[in-house]
């Protein structure tokens, strides 16, 4: 159960970091 929660949390963090990375690139592209 603990391992599943840790995997789920890591997966969410990875997805959030990817979304922030992509949104940051799009922001730079449209802002420049």
N, C-alpha and C. Protein backbone atom coordinates (compact mmCIF):
# COMPACT_ATOMS: atom_id res chain seq x y z
N UNK A 1 0.84 -1.20 0.00
CA UNK A 1 0.00 0.00 0.00
C UNK A 1 0.88 1.25 0.00
N UNK A 2 1.92 1.26 0.84
CA UNK A 2 2.82 2.41 0.90
C UNK A 2 3.56 2.59 -0.43
N UNK A 3 4.02 1.47 -1.00
CA UNK A 3 4.73 1.53 -2.28
C UNK A 3 3.82 2.09 -3.37
N UNK A 4 2.56 1.68 -3.37
CA UNK A 4 1.61 2.15 -4.37
C UNK A 4 1.40 3.66 -4.22
N UNK A 5 1.26 4.13 -2.98
CA UNK A 5 1.07 5.56 -2.74
C UNK A 5 2.29 6.35 -3.19
N UNK A 6 3.49 5.83 -2.91
CA UNK A 6 4.72 6.52 -3.31
C UNK A 6 4.81 6.59 -4.83
N UNK A 7 4.46 5.49 -5.51
CA UNK A 7 4.50 5.45 -6.97
C UNK A 7 3.49 6.44 -7.54
N UNK A 8 2.30 6.48 -6.93
CA UNK A 8 1.25 7.39 -7.38
C UNK A 8 1.70 8.84 -7.20
N UNK A 9 2.31 9.14 -6.05
CA UNK A 9 2.78 10.50 -5.78
C UNK A 9 3.88 10.90 -6.76
N UNK A 10 4.81 9.98 -7.01
CA UNK A 10 5.91 10.25 -7.94
C UNK A 10 5.36 10.49 -9.35
N UNK A 11 4.36 9.70 -9.73
CA UNK A 11 3.76 9.84 -11.06
C UNK A 11 3.10 11.21 -11.19
N UNK A 12 2.38 11.64 -10.16
CA UNK A 12 1.72 12.95 -10.18
C UNK A 12 2.76 14.06 -10.26
N UNK A 13 3.86 13.94 -9.49
CA UNK A 13 4.90 14.97 -9.51
C UNK A 13 5.54 15.06 -10.90
N UNK A 14 5.77 13.91 -11.53
CA UNK A 14 6.37 13.90 -12.87
C UNK A 14 5.43 14.57 -13.87
N UNK A 15 4.14 14.26 -13.79
CA UNK A 15 3.15 14.86 -14.71
C UNK A 15 3.10 16.37 -14.51
N UNK A 16 3.09 16.80 -13.24
CA UNK A 16 3.03 18.24 -12.95
C UNK A 16 4.28 18.94 -13.47
N UNK A 17 5.45 18.33 -13.27
CA UNK A 17 6.70 18.95 -13.74
C UNK A 17 6.72 19.04 -15.27
N UNK A 18 6.20 18.01 -15.95
CA UNK A 18 6.15 18.03 -17.42
C UNK A 18 5.21 19.13 -17.89
N UNK A 19 4.05 19.26 -17.24
CA UNK A 19 3.08 20.30 -17.63
C UNK A 19 3.69 21.69 -17.43
N UNK A 20 4.38 21.90 -16.31
CA UNK A 20 5.01 23.19 -16.04
C UNK A 20 6.11 23.47 -17.07
N UNK A 21 6.87 22.44 -17.43
CA UNK A 21 7.95 22.59 -18.41
C UNK A 21 7.39 22.99 -19.77
N UNK A 22 6.36 22.28 -20.22
CA UNK A 22 5.75 22.56 -21.53
C UNK A 22 5.09 23.93 -21.52
N UNK A 23 4.38 24.27 -20.45
CA UNK A 23 3.72 25.58 -20.38
C UNK A 23 4.76 26.69 -20.36
N UNK A 24 5.90 26.45 -19.73
CA UNK A 24 6.97 27.45 -19.69
C UNK A 24 7.55 27.68 -21.08
N UNK A 25 7.74 26.61 -21.84
CA UNK A 25 8.26 26.73 -23.21
C UNK A 25 7.25 27.48 -24.08
N UNK A 26 5.97 27.13 -23.97
CA UNK A 26 4.94 27.81 -24.76
C UNK A 26 4.89 29.28 -24.39
N UNK A 27 5.04 29.59 -23.10
CA UNK A 27 5.02 30.99 -22.65
C UNK A 27 6.18 31.76 -23.27
N UNK A 28 7.37 31.14 -23.26
CA UNK A 28 8.54 31.80 -23.86
C UNK A 28 8.36 31.99 -25.36
N UNK A 29 7.82 30.97 -26.03
CA UNK A 29 7.63 31.04 -27.48
C UNK A 29 6.65 32.16 -27.85
N UNK A 30 5.53 32.24 -27.13
CA UNK A 30 4.52 33.25 -27.45
C UNK A 30 4.92 34.63 -26.95
N UNK A 31 5.73 34.68 -25.87
CA UNK A 31 6.12 35.97 -25.30
C UNK A 31 7.22 36.64 -26.12
N UNK A 32 8.08 35.84 -26.72
CA UNK A 32 9.20 36.41 -27.48
C UNK A 32 8.74 36.99 -28.81
